[in-house]
Every structure is written in structure tokens, then in C-alpha cells.
mmCIF file of all heavy atoms, coordinates in Angstrom:
data_MODEL
# 
_entry.id   MODEL 
# 
loop_
_atom_site.group_PDB 
_atom_site.id 
_atom_site.type_symbol 
_atom_site.label_atom_id 
_atom_site.label_alt_id 
_atom_site.label_comp_id 
_atom_site.label_asym_id 
_atom_site.label_entity_id 
_atom_site.label_seq_id 
_atom_site.pdbx_PDB_ins_code 
_atom_site.Cartn_x 
_atom_site.Cartn_y 
_atom_site.Cartn_z 
_atom_site.occupancy 
_atom_site.B_iso_or_equiv 
_atom_site.pdbx_formal_charge 
_atom_site.auth_seq_id 
_atom_site.auth_comp_id 
_atom_site.auth_asym_id 
_atom_site.auth_atom_id 
_atom_site.pdbx_PDB_model_num 
ATOM 1   N N   . VAL A 1 1  ? 1.572   -7.129  6.982  1.00 0.00 ? 1  VAL A N   1 
ATOM 2   C CA  . VAL A 1 1  ? 2.689   -7.380  6.080  1.00 0.00 ? 1  VAL A CA  1 
ATOM 3   C C   . VAL A 1 1  ? 3.555   -6.122  6.059  1.00 0.00 ? 1  VAL A C   1 
ATOM 4   O O   . VAL A 1 1  ? 3.265   -5.145  6.731  1.00 0.00 ? 1  VAL A O   1 
ATOM 5   C CB  . VAL A 1 1  ? 2.187   -7.720  4.654  1.00 0.00 ? 1  VAL A CB  1 
ATOM 6   C CG1 . VAL A 1 1  ? 1.452   -9.060  4.640  1.00 0.00 ? 1  VAL A CG1 1 
ATOM 7   C CG2 . VAL A 1 1  ? 1.260   -6.629  4.120  1.00 0.00 ? 1  VAL A CG2 1 
ATOM 8   N N   . GLY A 1 2  ? 4.621   -6.118  5.280  1.00 0.00 ? 2  GLY A N   1 
ATOM 9   C CA  . GLY A 1 2  ? 5.385   -4.899  5.109  1.00 0.00 ? 2  GLY A CA  1 
ATOM 10  C C   . GLY A 1 2  ? 4.585   -3.871  4.318  1.00 0.00 ? 2  GLY A C   1 
ATOM 11  O O   . GLY A 1 2  ? 3.647   -4.221  3.588  1.00 0.00 ? 2  GLY A O   1 
ATOM 12  N N   . SER A 1 3  ? 4.932   -2.604  4.446  1.00 0.00 ? 3  SER A N   1 
ATOM 13  C CA  . SER A 1 3  ? 4.189   -1.557  3.737  1.00 0.00 ? 3  SER A CA  1 
ATOM 14  C C   . SER A 1 3  ? 4.188   -1.789  2.228  1.00 0.00 ? 3  SER A C   1 
ATOM 15  O O   . SER A 1 3  ? 3.174   -1.551  1.554  1.00 0.00 ? 3  SER A O   1 
ATOM 16  C CB  . SER A 1 3  ? 4.772   -0.178  4.054  1.00 0.00 ? 3  SER A CB  1 
ATOM 17  O OG  . SER A 1 3  ? 4.415   0.244   5.344  1.00 0.00 ? 3  SER A OG  1 
ATOM 18  N N   . GLY A 1 4  ? 5.320   -2.233  1.680  1.00 0.00 ? 4  GLY A N   1 
ATOM 19  C CA  . GLY A 1 4  ? 5.382   -2.506  0.243  1.00 0.00 ? 4  GLY A CA  1 
ATOM 20  C C   . GLY A 1 4  ? 4.392   -3.571  -0.167 1.00 0.00 ? 4  GLY A C   1 
ATOM 21  O O   . GLY A 1 4  ? 3.708   -3.450  -1.195 1.00 0.00 ? 4  GLY A O   1 
ATOM 22  N N   . GLN A 1 5  ? 4.293   -4.621  0.629  1.00 0.00 ? 5  GLN A N   1 
ATOM 23  C CA  . GLN A 1 5  ? 3.337   -5.683  0.341  1.00 0.00 ? 5  GLN A CA  1 
ATOM 24  C C   . GLN A 1 5  ? 1.900   -5.194  0.525  1.00 0.00 ? 5  GLN A C   1 
ATOM 25  O O   . GLN A 1 5  ? 1.004   -5.586  -0.229 1.00 0.00 ? 5  GLN A O   1 
ATOM 26  C CB  . GLN A 1 5  ? 3.597   -6.877  1.254  1.00 0.00 ? 5  GLN A CB  1 
ATOM 27  C CG  . GLN A 1 5  ? 4.908   -7.595  0.985  1.00 0.00 ? 5  GLN A CG  1 
ATOM 28  C CD  . GLN A 1 5  ? 5.211   -8.637  2.042  1.00 0.00 ? 5  GLN A CD  1 
ATOM 29  O OE1 . GLN A 1 5  ? 5.659   -8.316  3.148  1.00 0.00 ? 5  GLN A OE1 1 
ATOM 30  N NE2 . GLN A 1 5  ? 4.959   -9.885  1.717  1.00 0.00 ? 5  GLN A NE2 1 
ATOM 31  N N   . ALA A 1 6  ? 1.673   -4.357  1.525  1.00 0.00 ? 6  ALA A N   1 
ATOM 32  C CA  . ALA A 1 6  ? 0.333   -3.794  1.733  1.00 0.00 ? 6  ALA A CA  1 
ATOM 33  C C   . ALA A 1 6  ? -0.095  -2.958  0.535  1.00 0.00 ? 6  ALA A C   1 
ATOM 34  O O   . ALA A 1 6  ? -1.245  -3.044  0.076  1.00 0.00 ? 6  ALA A O   1 
ATOM 35  C CB  . ALA A 1 6  ? 0.312   -2.952  3.016  1.00 0.00 ? 6  ALA A CB  1 
ATOM 36  N N   . LEU A 1 7  ? 0.812   -2.149  0.018  1.00 0.00 ? 7  LEU A N   1 
ATOM 37  C CA  . LEU A 1 7  ? 0.499   -1.345  -1.163 1.00 0.00 ? 7  LEU A CA  1 
ATOM 38  C C   . LEU A 1 7  ? 0.204   -2.238  -2.363 1.00 0.00 ? 7  LEU A C   1 
ATOM 39  O O   . LEU A 1 7  ? -0.697  -1.945  -3.164 1.00 0.00 ? 7  LEU A O   1 
ATOM 40  C CB  . LEU A 1 7  ? 1.655   -0.396  -1.480 1.00 0.00 ? 7  LEU A CB  1 
ATOM 41  C CG  . LEU A 1 7  ? 1.915   0.717   -0.454 1.00 0.00 ? 7  LEU A CG  1 
ATOM 42  C CD1 . LEU A 1 7  ? 3.197   1.463   -0.803 1.00 0.00 ? 7  LEU A CD1 1 
ATOM 43  C CD2 . LEU A 1 7  ? 0.745   1.680   -0.367 1.00 0.00 ? 7  LEU A CD2 1 
ATOM 44  N N   . GLU A 1 8  ? 0.926   -3.332  -2.486 1.00 0.00 ? 8  GLU A N   1 
ATOM 45  C CA  . GLU A 1 8  ? 0.695   -4.258  -3.598 1.00 0.00 ? 8  GLU A CA  1 
ATOM 46  C C   . GLU A 1 8  ? -0.669  -4.928  -3.474 1.00 0.00 ? 8  GLU A C   1 
ATOM 47  O O   . GLU A 1 8  ? -1.366  -5.125  -4.488 1.00 0.00 ? 8  GLU A O   1 
ATOM 48  C CB  . GLU A 1 8  ? 1.802   -5.302  -3.649 1.00 0.00 ? 8  GLU A CB  1 
ATOM 49  C CG  . GLU A 1 8  ? 1.723   -6.242  -4.837 1.00 0.00 ? 8  GLU A CG  1 
ATOM 50  C CD  . GLU A 1 8  ? 1.749   -5.535  -6.184 1.00 0.00 ? 8  GLU A CD  1 
ATOM 51  O OE1 . GLU A 1 8  ? 2.391   -4.463  -6.298 1.00 0.00 ? 8  GLU A OE1 1 
ATOM 52  O OE2 . GLU A 1 8  ? 1.108   -6.057  -7.120 1.00 0.00 ? 8  GLU A OE2 1 
ATOM 53  N N   . LEU A 1 9  ? -1.073  -5.270  -2.253 1.00 0.00 ? 9  LEU A N   1 
ATOM 54  C CA  . LEU A 1 9  ? -2.414  -5.825  -2.055 1.00 0.00 ? 9  LEU A CA  1 
ATOM 55  C C   . LEU A 1 9  ? -3.485  -4.823  -2.478 1.00 0.00 ? 9  LEU A C   1 
ATOM 56  O O   . LEU A 1 9  ? -4.490  -5.187  -3.101 1.00 0.00 ? 9  LEU A O   1 
ATOM 57  C CB  . LEU A 1 9  ? -2.606  -6.229  -0.592 1.00 0.00 ? 9  LEU A CB  1 
ATOM 58  C CG  . LEU A 1 9  ? -1.858  -7.470  -0.124 1.00 0.00 ? 9  LEU A CG  1 
ATOM 59  C CD1 . LEU A 1 9  ? -1.935  -7.612  1.392  1.00 0.00 ? 9  LEU A CD1 1 
ATOM 60  C CD2 . LEU A 1 9  ? -2.412  -8.727  -0.798 1.00 0.00 ? 9  LEU A CD2 1 
ATOM 61  N N   . GLY A 1 10 ? -3.262  -3.563  -2.142 1.00 0.00 ? 10 GLY A N   1 
ATOM 62  C CA  . GLY A 1 10 ? -4.187  -2.528  -2.580 1.00 0.00 ? 10 GLY A CA  1 
ATOM 63  C C   . GLY A 1 10 ? -4.191  -2.393  -4.089 1.00 0.00 ? 10 GLY A C   1 
ATOM 64  O O   . GLY A 1 10 ? -5.250  -2.274  -4.716 1.00 0.00 ? 10 GLY A O   1 
ATOM 65  N N   . ARG A 1 11 ? -3.022  -2.434  -4.690 1.00 0.00 ? 11 ARG A N   1 
ATOM 66  C CA  . ARG A 1 11 ? -2.892  -2.307  -6.152 1.00 0.00 ? 11 ARG A CA  1 
ATOM 67  C C   . ARG A 1 11 ? -3.665  -3.413  -6.874 1.00 0.00 ? 11 ARG A C   1 
ATOM 68  O O   . ARG A 1 11 ? -4.250  -3.195  -7.932 1.00 0.00 ? 11 ARG A O   1 
ATOM 69  C CB  . ARG A 1 11 ? -1.412  -2.349  -6.517 1.00 0.00 ? 11 ARG A CB  1 
ATOM 70  C CG  . ARG A 1 11 ? -1.102  -2.094  -7.973 1.00 0.00 ? 11 ARG A CG  1 
ATOM 71  C CD  . ARG A 1 11 ? 0.396   -2.037  -8.209 1.00 0.00 ? 11 ARG A CD  1 
ATOM 72  N NE  . ARG A 1 11 ? 0.975   -0.776  -7.714 1.00 0.00 ? 11 ARG A NE  1 
ATOM 73  C CZ  . ARG A 1 11 ? 1.841   -0.693  -6.703 1.00 0.00 ? 11 ARG A CZ  1 
ATOM 74  N NH1 . ARG A 1 11 ? 2.220   -1.782  -6.034 1.00 0.00 ? 11 ARG A NH1 1 
ATOM 75  N NH2 . ARG A 1 11 ? 2.312   0.484   -6.333 1.00 0.00 ? 11 ARG A NH2 1 
ATOM 76  N N   . ARG A 1 12 ? -3.668  -4.607  -6.289 1.00 0.00 ? 12 ARG A N   1 
ATOM 77  C CA  . ARG A 1 12 ? -4.350  -5.753  -6.904 1.00 0.00 ? 12 ARG A CA  1 
ATOM 78  C C   . ARG A 1 12 ? -5.827  -5.835  -6.510 1.00 0.00 ? 12 ARG A C   1 
ATOM 79  O O   . ARG A 1 12 ? -6.522  -6.771  -6.908 1.00 0.00 ? 12 ARG A O   1 
ATOM 80  C CB  . ARG A 1 12 ? -3.655  -7.053  -6.500 1.00 0.00 ? 12 ARG A CB  1 
ATOM 81  C CG  . ARG A 1 12 ? -2.221  -7.176  -6.955 1.00 0.00 ? 12 ARG A CG  1 
ATOM 82  C CD  . ARG A 1 12 ? -1.782  -8.627  -6.963 1.00 0.00 ? 12 ARG A CD  1 
ATOM 83  N NE  . ARG A 1 12 ? -1.913  -9.265  -5.661 1.00 0.00 ? 12 ARG A NE  1 
ATOM 84  C CZ  . ARG A 1 12 ? -0.899  -9.477  -4.814 1.00 0.00 ? 12 ARG A CZ  1 
ATOM 85  N NH1 . ARG A 1 12 ? 0.317   -9.057  -5.117 1.00 0.00 ? 12 ARG A NH1 1 
ATOM 86  N NH2 . ARG A 1 12 ? -1.113  -10.076 -3.662 1.00 0.00 ? 12 ARG A NH2 1 
ATOM 87  N N   . GLY A 1 13 ? -6.305  -4.882  -5.732 1.00 0.00 ? 13 GLY A N   1 
ATOM 88  C CA  . GLY A 1 13 ? -7.702  -4.910  -5.310 1.00 0.00 ? 13 GLY A CA  1 
ATOM 89  C C   . GLY A 1 13 ? -7.987  -5.978  -4.287 1.00 0.00 ? 13 GLY A C   1 
ATOM 90  O O   . GLY A 1 13 ? -9.130  -6.414  -4.148 1.00 0.00 ? 13 GLY A O   1 
ATOM 91  N N   . GLU A 1 14 ? -6.983  -6.377  -3.527 1.00 0.00 ? 14 GLU A N   1 
ATOM 92  C CA  . GLU A 1 14 ? -7.135  -7.434  -2.531 1.00 0.00 ? 14 GLU A CA  1 
ATOM 93  C C   . GLU A 1 14 ? -7.190  -6.879  -1.107 1.00 0.00 ? 14 GLU A C   1 
ATOM 94  O O   . GLU A 1 14 ? -7.085  -7.633  -0.145 1.00 0.00 ? 14 GLU A O   1 
ATOM 95  C CB  . GLU A 1 14 ? -6.001  -8.444  -2.674 1.00 0.00 ? 14 GLU A CB  1 
ATOM 96  C CG  . GLU A 1 14 ? -6.051  -9.185  -4.010 1.00 0.00 ? 14 GLU A CG  1 
ATOM 97  C CD  . GLU A 1 14 ? -4.967  -10.222 -4.168 1.00 0.00 ? 14 GLU A CD  1 
ATOM 98  O OE1 . GLU A 1 14 ? -4.166  -10.390 -3.217 1.00 0.00 ? 14 GLU A OE1 1 
ATOM 99  O OE2 . GLU A 1 14 ? -4.902  -10.861 -5.231 1.00 0.00 ? 14 GLU A OE2 1 
ATOM 100 N N   . ALA A 1 15 ? -7.347  -5.589  -0.980 1.00 0.00 ? 15 ALA A N   1 
ATOM 101 C CA  . ALA A 1 15 ? -7.551  -4.951  0.323  1.00 0.00 ? 15 ALA A CA  1 
ATOM 102 C C   . ALA A 1 15 ? -8.454  -3.743  0.115  1.00 0.00 ? 15 ALA A C   1 
ATOM 103 O O   . ALA A 1 15 ? -8.446  -3.128  -0.964 1.00 0.00 ? 15 ALA A O   1 
ATOM 104 C CB  . ALA A 1 15 ? -6.222  -4.522  0.939  1.00 0.00 ? 15 ALA A CB  1 
ATOM 105 N N   . ASP A 1 16 ? -9.219  -3.427  1.123  1.00 0.00 ? 16 ASP A N   1 
ATOM 106 C CA  . ASP A 1 16 ? -10.143 -2.301  1.040  1.00 0.00 ? 16 ASP A CA  1 
ATOM 107 C C   . ASP A 1 16 ? -9.537  -1.008  1.593  1.00 0.00 ? 16 ASP A C   1 
ATOM 108 O O   . ASP A 1 16 ? -9.855  0.081   1.126  1.00 0.00 ? 16 ASP A O   1 
ATOM 109 C CB  . ASP A 1 16 ? -11.426 -2.635  1.813  1.00 0.00 ? 16 ASP A CB  1 
ATOM 110 C CG  . ASP A 1 16 ? -12.075 -3.912  1.296  1.00 0.00 ? 16 ASP A CG  1 
ATOM 111 O OD1 . ASP A 1 16 ? -12.399 -3.964  0.103  1.00 0.00 ? 16 ASP A OD1 1 
ATOM 112 O OD2 . ASP A 1 16 ? -12.228 -4.863  2.085  1.00 0.00 ? 16 ASP A OD2 1 
ATOM 113 N N   . ALA A 1 17 ? -8.694  -1.151  2.607  1.00 0.00 ? 17 ALA A N   1 
ATOM 114 C CA  . ALA A 1 17 ? -8.036  0.013   3.209  1.00 0.00 ? 17 ALA A CA  1 
ATOM 115 C C   . ALA A 1 17 ? -6.605  -0.383  3.578  1.00 0.00 ? 17 ALA A C   1 
ATOM 116 O O   . ALA A 1 17 ? -6.310  -1.558  3.821  1.00 0.00 ? 17 ALA A O   1 
ATOM 117 C CB  . ALA A 1 17 ? -8.791  0.475   4.448  1.00 0.00 ? 17 ALA A CB  1 
ATOM 118 N N   . LEU A 1 18 ? -5.733  0.597   3.616  1.00 0.00 ? 18 LEU A N   1 
ATOM 119 C CA  . LEU A 1 18 ? -4.328  0.377   3.940  1.00 0.00 ? 18 LEU A CA  1 
ATOM 120 C C   . LEU A 1 18 ? -3.940  1.296   5.097  1.00 0.00 ? 18 LEU A C   1 
ATOM 121 O O   . LEU A 1 18 ? -4.352  2.453   5.144  1.00 0.00 ? 18 LEU A O   1 
ATOM 122 C CB  . LEU A 1 18 ? -3.430  0.687   2.737  1.00 0.00 ? 18 LEU A CB  1 
ATOM 123 C CG  . LEU A 1 18 ? -3.866  0.185   1.359  1.00 0.00 ? 18 LEU A CG  1 
ATOM 124 C CD1 . LEU A 1 18 ? -2.864  0.657   0.293  1.00 0.00 ? 18 LEU A CD1 1 
ATOM 125 C CD2 . LEU A 1 18 ? -3.979  -1.324  1.336  1.00 0.00 ? 18 LEU A CD2 1 
ATOM 126 N N   . LEU A 1 19 ? -3.148  0.781   6.018  1.00 0.00 ? 19 LEU A N   1 
ATOM 127 C CA  . LEU A 1 19 ? -2.573  1.588   7.093  1.00 0.00 ? 19 LEU A CA  1 
ATOM 128 C C   . LEU A 1 19 ? -1.081  1.334   7.046  1.00 0.00 ? 19 LEU A C   1 
ATOM 129 O O   . LEU A 1 19 ? -0.599  0.277   7.459  1.00 0.00 ? 19 LEU A O   1 
ATOM 130 C CB  . LEU A 1 19 ? -3.153  1.194   8.454  1.00 0.00 ? 19 LEU A CB  1 
ATOM 131 C CG  . LEU A 1 19 ? -2.643  1.967   9.672  1.00 0.00 ? 19 LEU A CG  1 
ATOM 132 C CD1 . LEU A 1 19 ? -2.927  3.461   9.534  1.00 0.00 ? 19 LEU A CD1 1 
ATOM 133 C CD2 . LEU A 1 19 ? -3.254  1.420   10.957 1.00 0.00 ? 19 LEU A CD2 1 
ATOM 134 N N   . VAL A 1 20 ? -0.323  2.294   6.502  1.00 0.00 ? 20 VAL A N   1 
ATOM 135 C CA  . VAL A 1 20 ? 1.074   2.055   6.136  1.00 0.00 ? 20 VAL A CA  1 
ATOM 136 C C   . VAL A 1 20 ? 1.976   3.209   6.556  1.00 0.00 ? 20 VAL A C   1 
ATOM 137 O O   . VAL A 1 20 ? 1.513   4.292   6.904  1.00 0.00 ? 20 VAL A O   1 
ATOM 138 C CB  . VAL A 1 20 ? 1.188   1.813   4.614  1.00 0.00 ? 20 VAL A CB  1 
ATOM 139 C CG1 . VAL A 1 20 ? 0.638   0.433   4.245  1.00 0.00 ? 20 VAL A CG1 1 
ATOM 140 C CG2 . VAL A 1 20 ? 0.416   2.878   3.812  1.00 0.00 ? 20 VAL A CG2 1 
ATOM 141 N N   . HIS A 1 21 ? 3.294   2.960   6.483  1.00 0.00 ? 21 HIS A N   1 
ATOM 142 C CA  . HIS A 1 21 ? 4.254   3.982   6.921  1.00 0.00 ? 21 HIS A CA  1 
ATOM 143 C C   . HIS A 1 21 ? 5.470   4.036   6.009  1.00 0.00 ? 21 HIS A C   1 
ATOM 144 O O   . HIS A 1 21 ? 6.604   3.906   6.435  1.00 0.00 ? 21 HIS A O   1 
ATOM 145 C CB  . HIS A 1 21 ? 4.665   3.757   8.388  1.00 0.00 ? 21 HIS A CB  1 
ATOM 146 C CG  . HIS A 1 21 ? 5.423   2.489   8.641  1.00 0.00 ? 21 HIS A CG  1 
ATOM 147 N ND1 . HIS A 1 21 ? 6.483   2.412   9.525  1.00 0.00 ? 21 HIS A ND1 1 
ATOM 148 C CD2 . HIS A 1 21 ? 5.291   1.246   8.148  1.00 0.00 ? 21 HIS A CD2 1 
ATOM 149 C CE1 . HIS A 1 21 ? 6.957   1.180   9.561  1.00 0.00 ? 21 HIS A CE1 1 
ATOM 150 N NE2 . HIS A 1 21 ? 6.242   0.458   8.733  1.00 0.00 ? 21 HIS A NE2 1 
ATOM 151 N N   . SER A 1 22 ? 5.202   4.229   4.729  1.00 0.00 ? 22 SER A N   1 
ATOM 152 C CA  . SER A 1 22 ? 6.278   4.386   3.749  1.00 0.00 ? 22 SER A CA  1 
ATOM 153 C C   . SER A 1 22 ? 5.904   5.555   2.833  1.00 0.00 ? 22 SER A C   1 
ATOM 154 O O   . SER A 1 22 ? 5.486   5.368   1.689  1.00 0.00 ? 22 SER A O   1 
ATOM 155 C CB  . SER A 1 22 ? 6.448   3.088   2.939  1.00 0.00 ? 22 SER A CB  1 
ATOM 156 O OG  . SER A 1 22 ? 7.594   3.136   2.125  1.00 0.00 ? 22 SER A OG  1 
ATOM 157 N N   . PRO A 1 23 ? 6.035   6.798   3.338  1.00 0.00 ? 23 PRO A N   1 
ATOM 158 C CA  . PRO A 1 23 ? 5.468   7.969   2.655  1.00 0.00 ? 23 PRO A CA  1 
ATOM 159 C C   . PRO A 1 23 ? 5.831   8.139   1.180  1.00 0.00 ? 23 PRO A C   1 
ATOM 160 O O   . PRO A 1 23 ? 4.951   8.437   0.368  1.00 0.00 ? 23 PRO A O   1 
ATOM 161 C CB  . PRO A 1 23 ? 6.001   9.141   3.502  1.00 0.00 ? 23 PRO A CB  1 
ATOM 162 C CG  . PRO A 1 23 ? 6.126   8.565   4.873  1.00 0.00 ? 23 PRO A CG  1 
ATOM 163 C CD  . PRO A 1 23 ? 6.620   7.154   4.639  1.00 0.00 ? 23 PRO A CD  1 
ATOM 164 N N   . GLU A 1 24 ? 7.094   7.966   0.821  1.00 0.00 ? 24 GLU A N   1 
ATOM 165 C CA  . GLU A 1 24 ? 7.473   8.162   -0.574 1.00 0.00 ? 24 GLU A CA  1 
ATOM 166 C C   . GLU A 1 24 ? 6.777   7.160   -1.485 1.00 0.00 ? 24 GLU A C   1 
ATOM 167 O O   . GLU A 1 24 ? 6.269   7.510   -2.551 1.00 0.00 ? 24 GLU A O   1 
ATOM 168 C CB  . GLU A 1 24 ? 8.996   8.067   -0.733 1.00 0.00 ? 24 GLU A CB  1 
ATOM 169 C CG  . GLU A 1 24 ? 9.745   9.237   -0.124 1.00 0.00 ? 24 GLU A CG  1 
ATOM 170 C CD  . GLU A 1 24 ? 11.238  9.180   -0.436 1.00 0.00 ? 24 GLU A CD  1 
ATOM 171 O OE1 . GLU A 1 24 ? 11.661  8.298   -1.209 1.00 0.00 ? 24 GLU A OE1 1 
ATOM 172 O OE2 . GLU A 1 24 ? 11.983  10.022  0.100  1.00 0.00 ? 24 GLU A OE2 1 
ATOM 173 N N   . ALA A 1 25 ? 6.741   5.892   -1.051 1.00 0.00 ? 25 ALA A N   1 
ATOM 174 C CA  . ALA A 1 25 ? 6.065   4.863   -1.844 1.00 0.00 ? 25 ALA A CA  1 
ATOM 175 C C   . ALA A 1 25 ? 4.568   5.109   -1.894 1.00 0.00 ? 25 ALA A C   1 
ATOM 176 O O   . ALA A 1 25 ? 3.919   4.853   -2.924 1.00 0.00 ? 25 ALA A O   1 
ATOM 177 C CB  . ALA A 1 25 ? 6.359   3.483   -1.254 1.00 0.00 ? 25 ALA A CB  1 
ATOM 178 N N   . GLU A 1 26 ? 4.001   5.631   -0.804 1.00 0.00 ? 26 GLU A N   1 
ATOM 179 C CA  . GLU A 1 26 ? 2.562   5.905   -0.760 1.00 0.00 ? 26 GLU A CA  1 
ATOM 180 C C   . GLU A 1 26 ? 2.177   6.983   -1.766 1.00 0.00 ? 26 GLU A C   1 
ATOM 181 O O   . GLU A 1 26 ? 1.154   6.867   -2.458 1.00 0.00 ? 26 GLU A O   1 
ATOM 182 C CB  . GLU A 1 26 ? 2.161   6.362   0.639  1.00 0.00 ? 26 GLU A CB  1 
ATOM 183 C CG  . GLU A 1 26 ? 2.310   5.315   1.726  1.00 0.00 ? 26 GLU A CG  1 
ATOM 184 C CD  . GLU A 1 26 ? 2.280   5.944   3.107  1.00 0.00 ? 26 GLU A CD  1 
ATOM 185 O OE1 . GLU A 1 26 ? 1.668   7.014   3.261  1.00 0.00 ? 26 GLU A OE1 1 
ATOM 186 O OE2 . GLU A 1 26 ? 2.874   5.365   4.036  1.00 0.00 ? 26 GLU A OE2 1 
ATOM 187 N N   . VAL A 1 27 ? 2.972   8.039   -1.842 1.00 0.00 ? 27 VAL A N   1 
ATOM 188 C CA  . VAL A 1 27 ? 2.674   9.131   -2.770 1.00 0.00 ? 27 VAL A CA  1 
ATOM 189 C C   . VAL A 1 27 ? 2.672   8.617   -4.211 1.00 0.00 ? 27 VAL A C   1 
ATOM 190 O O   . VAL A 1 27 ? 1.768   8.935   -5.006 1.00 0.00 ? 27 VAL A O   1 
ATOM 191 C CB  . VAL A 1 27 ? 3.695   10.278  -2.597 1.00 0.00 ? 27 VAL A CB  1 
ATOM 192 C CG1 . VAL A 1 27 ? 3.544   11.307  -3.709 1.00 0.00 ? 27 VAL A CG1 1 
ATOM 193 C CG2 . VAL A 1 27 ? 3.512   10.950  -1.233 1.00 0.00 ? 27 VAL A CG2 1 
ATOM 194 N N   . LYS A 1 28 ? 3.654   7.802   -4.559 1.00 0.00 ? 28 LYS A N   1 
ATOM 195 C CA  . LYS A 1 28 ? 3.712   7.225   -5.904 1.00 0.00 ? 28 LYS A CA  1 
ATOM 196 C C   . LYS A 1 28 ? 2.514   6.315   -6.151 1.00 0.00 ? 28 LYS A C   1 
ATOM 197 O O   . LYS A 1 28 ? 1.949   6.294   -7.243 1.00 0.00 ? 28 LYS A O   1 
ATOM 198 C CB  . LYS A 1 28 ? 5.023   6.455   -6.082 1.00 0.00 ? 28 LYS A CB  1 
ATOM 199 C CG  . LYS A 1 28 ? 6.259   7.333   -6.061 1.00 0.00 ? 28 LYS A CG  1 
ATOM 200 C CD  . LYS A 1 28 ? 7.528   6.500   -6.170 1.00 0.00 ? 28 LYS A CD  1 
ATOM 201 C CE  . LYS A 1 28 ? 8.771   7.375   -6.112 1.00 0.00 ? 28 LYS A CE  1 
ATOM 202 N NZ  . LYS A 1 28 ? 10.022  6.563   -6.138 1.00 0.00 ? 28 LYS A NZ  1 
ATOM 203 N N   . PHE A 1 29 ? 2.149   5.544   -5.134 1.00 0.00 ? 29 PHE A N   1 
ATOM 204 C CA  . PHE A 1 29 ? 1.029   4.618   -5.254 1.00 0.00 ? 29 PHE A CA  1 
ATOM 205 C C   . PHE A 1 29 ? -0.274  5.366   -5.519 1.00 0.00 ? 29 PHE A C   1 
ATOM 206 O O   . PHE A 1 29 ? -1.042  5.001   -6.422 1.00 0.00 ? 29 PHE A O   1 
ATOM 207 C CB  . PHE A 1 29 ? 0.926   3.791   -3.974 1.00 0.00 ? 29 PHE A CB  1 
ATOM 208 C CG  . PHE A 1 29 ? -0.301  2.938   -3.873 1.00 0.00 ? 29 PHE A CG  1 
ATOM 209 C CD1 . PHE A 1 29 ? -0.423  1.795   -4.623 1.00 0.00 ? 29 PHE A CD1 1 
ATOM 210 C CD2 . PHE A 1 29 ? -1.330  3.282   -3.017 1.00 0.00 ? 29 PHE A CD2 1 
ATOM 211 C CE1 . PHE A 1 29 ? -1.564  1.002   -4.541 1.00 0.00 ? 29 PHE A CE1 1 
ATOM 212 C CE2 . PHE A 1 29 ? -2.466  2.498   -2.913 1.00 0.00 ? 29 PHE A CE2 1 
ATOM 213 C CZ  . PHE A 1 29 ? -2.584  1.347   -3.676 1.00 0.00 ? 29 PHE A CZ  1 
ATOM 214 N N   . VAL A 1 30 ? -0.550  6.394   -4.744 1.00 0.00 ? 30 VAL A N   1 
ATOM 215 C CA  . VAL A 1 30 ? -1.786  7.159   -4.911 1.00 0.00 ? 30 VAL A CA  1 
ATOM 216 C C   . VAL A 1 30 ? -1.826  7.813   -6.293 1.00 0.00 ? 30 VAL A C   1 
ATOM 217 O O   . VAL A 1 30 ? -2.891  7.897   -6.930 1.00 0.00 ? 30 VAL A O   1 
ATOM 218 C CB  . VAL A 1 30 ? -1.935  8.216   -3.796 1.00 0.00 ? 30 VAL A CB  1 
ATOM 219 C CG1 . VAL A 1 30 ? -3.103  9.150   -4.081 1.00 0.00 ? 30 VAL A CG1 1 
ATOM 220 C CG2 . VAL A 1 30 ? -2.132  7.527   -2.445 1.00 0.00 ? 30 VAL A CG2 1 
# 
């Protein structure tokens, strides 16, 4: 999916690991 959607899946506990390429959004997410 898109990185934003991947981060949302992680946020909802619906993924175990993420491989993404949206650094600014990733920093906020972590």
C-alpha cells in the first residue's frame, strides 16, 4: 500500500513490521 496506509496499519496493530519511505511521517509515527 502507500506509506501512509502502511503506517496506519501499524497504528491499528494490523501489521507486525513496516517497510516504508516517508521519513517525516515515520518520525512522527514512531
